[in-house]
Amino acid sequence: PNADRLTVCQVDAGEGAPRQIVCGAKNHKAGDKVVVTLPGAVLPGNFEIKKSKIRDVESLGMLASESELGLKKESEGILILPADAPVGKPF
């Protein structure tokens, strides 16, 4: 709500219940396997993932891009994993 460029995703992070995450990337669709960073994770550049509210919607993590993970200098959206990637396993 109140944002044209954000999506509210219900993500299976292998915890038994979906986790709500607000995402600004547009390159994903329902059923995609992605890298989820949970609150407490620290990404390159000392960027700590925290539970937050974005446009009054709770976000319990972040869907990560290759650049956010330090795998590439630039990326154009979140990292989409192969369809057979395991759910809930460390990346």
Protein backbone atom coordinates (compact mmCIF):
# COMPACT_ATOMS: atom_id res chain seq x y z
CA PRO A 1 0.00 0.00 0.00
CA ASN A 2 1.07 3.60 -0.65
CA ALA A 3 3.97 2.57 -2.89
CA ASP A 4 4.17 1.80 -6.61
CA ARG A 5 7.65 0.28 -6.50
CA LEU A 6 7.42 -2.02 -3.48
CA THR A 7 5.98 -5.50 -3.08
CA VAL A 8 4.96 -7.27 0.11
CA CYS A 9 6.22 -10.85 -0.10
CA GLN A 10 5.28 -13.87 2.00
CA VAL A 11 8.52 -15.84 2.14
CA ASP A 12 9.17 -19.44 3.19
CA ALA A 13 12.53 -19.22 4.95
CA GLY A 14 12.26 -22.78 6.24
CA GLU A 15 10.87 -21.74 9.61
CA GLY A 16 7.47 -23.40 9.35
CA ALA A 17 5.50 -20.17 8.84
CA PRO A 18 5.77 -17.48 6.16
CA ARG A 19 7.88 -14.40 6.85
CA GLN A 20 6.67 -11.02 5.52
CA ILE A 21 9.32 -9.05 3.67
CA VAL A 22 8.90 -5.76 1.79
CA CYS A 23 10.98 -5.73 -1.39
CA GLY A 24 11.88 -2.95 -3.82
CA ALA A 25 13.14 -5.21 -6.61
CA LYS A 26 10.87 -6.04 -9.53
CA ASN A 27 12.63 -9.09 -10.98
CA HIS A 28 10.88 -11.71 -8.84
CA LYS A 29 7.59 -13.60 -9.00
CA ALA A 30 5.65 -15.98 -6.77
CA GLY A 31 7.47 -19.28 -6.39
CA ASP A 32 10.97 -17.95 -7.07
CA LYS A 33 13.75 -19.25 -4.84
CA VAL A 34 15.76 -16.33 -3.46
CA VAL A 35 18.39 -15.51 -0.84
CA VAL A 36 16.70 -14.24 2.33
CA THR A 37 18.71 -12.31 4.88
CA LEU A 38 17.16 -12.33 8.35
CA PRO A 39 17.35 -9.73 11.12
CA GLY A 40 20.77 -9.93 12.75
CA ALA A 41 22.60 -10.84 9.55
CA VAL A 42 25.46 -8.51 8.62
CA LEU A 43 26.17 -8.06 4.91
CA PRO A 44 29.33 -6.67 3.29
CA GLY A 45 29.92 -3.03 4.16
CA ASN A 46 28.80 -3.75 7.75
CA PHE A 47 25.13 -3.45 6.70
CA GLU A 48 23.03 -5.08 9.44
CA ILE A 49 19.59 -6.45 8.57
CA LYS A 50 16.95 -5.32 11.05
CA LYS A 51 13.23 -5.80 11.48
CA SER A 52 11.68 -2.61 10.11
CA LYS A 53 8.55 -0.88 8.90
CA ILE A 54 8.44 0.36 5.33
CA ARG A 55 5.46 2.55 4.49
CA ASP A 56 3.79 1.27 7.70
CA VAL A 57 4.23 -2.39 6.63
CA GLU A 58 6.38 -4.66 8.80
CA SER A 59 9.36 -6.23 7.03
CA LEU A 60 11.11 -9.16 8.73
CA GLY A 61 14.22 -9.43 6.59
CA MET A 62 15.49 -8.64 3.11
CA LEU A 63 15.62 -10.41 -0.24
CA ALA A 64 19.24 -9.99 -1.33
CA SER A 65 20.94 -9.14 -4.62
CA GLU A 66 24.34 -10.34 -5.73
CA SER A 67 25.82 -6.90 -5.06
CA GLU A 68 24.34 -6.78 -1.54
CA LEU A 69 25.90 -10.20 -0.88
CA GLY A 70 29.30 -9.02 -2.16
CA LEU A 71 29.25 -11.42 -5.14
CA LYS A 72 29.20 -8.74 -7.86
CA LYS A 73 29.93 -5.04 -8.02
CA GLU A 74 26.48 -4.27 -9.49
CA SER A 75 23.23 -6.18 -9.97
CA GLU A 76 19.80 -5.37 -11.34
CA GLY A 77 17.59 -7.05 -8.76
CA ILE A 78 17.52 -9.82 -6.22
CA LEU A 79 19.40 -13.06 -6.79
CA ILE A 80 17.03 -15.69 -8.20
CA LEU A 81 18.24 -19.21 -7.37
CA PRO A 82 17.61 -22.40 -9.36
CA ALA A 83 14.19 -24.01 -8.87
CA ASP A 84 15.80 -26.99 -7.10
CA ALA A 85 17.61 -24.82 -4.50
CA PRO A 86 16.86 -26.04 -0.96
CA VAL A 87 14.62 -23.92 1.26
CA GLY A 88 15.88 -22.82 4.68
CA LYS A 89 19.53 -23.71 4.12
CA PRO A 90 22.46 -21.27 4.46
CA PHE A 91 23.59 -19.73 1.20
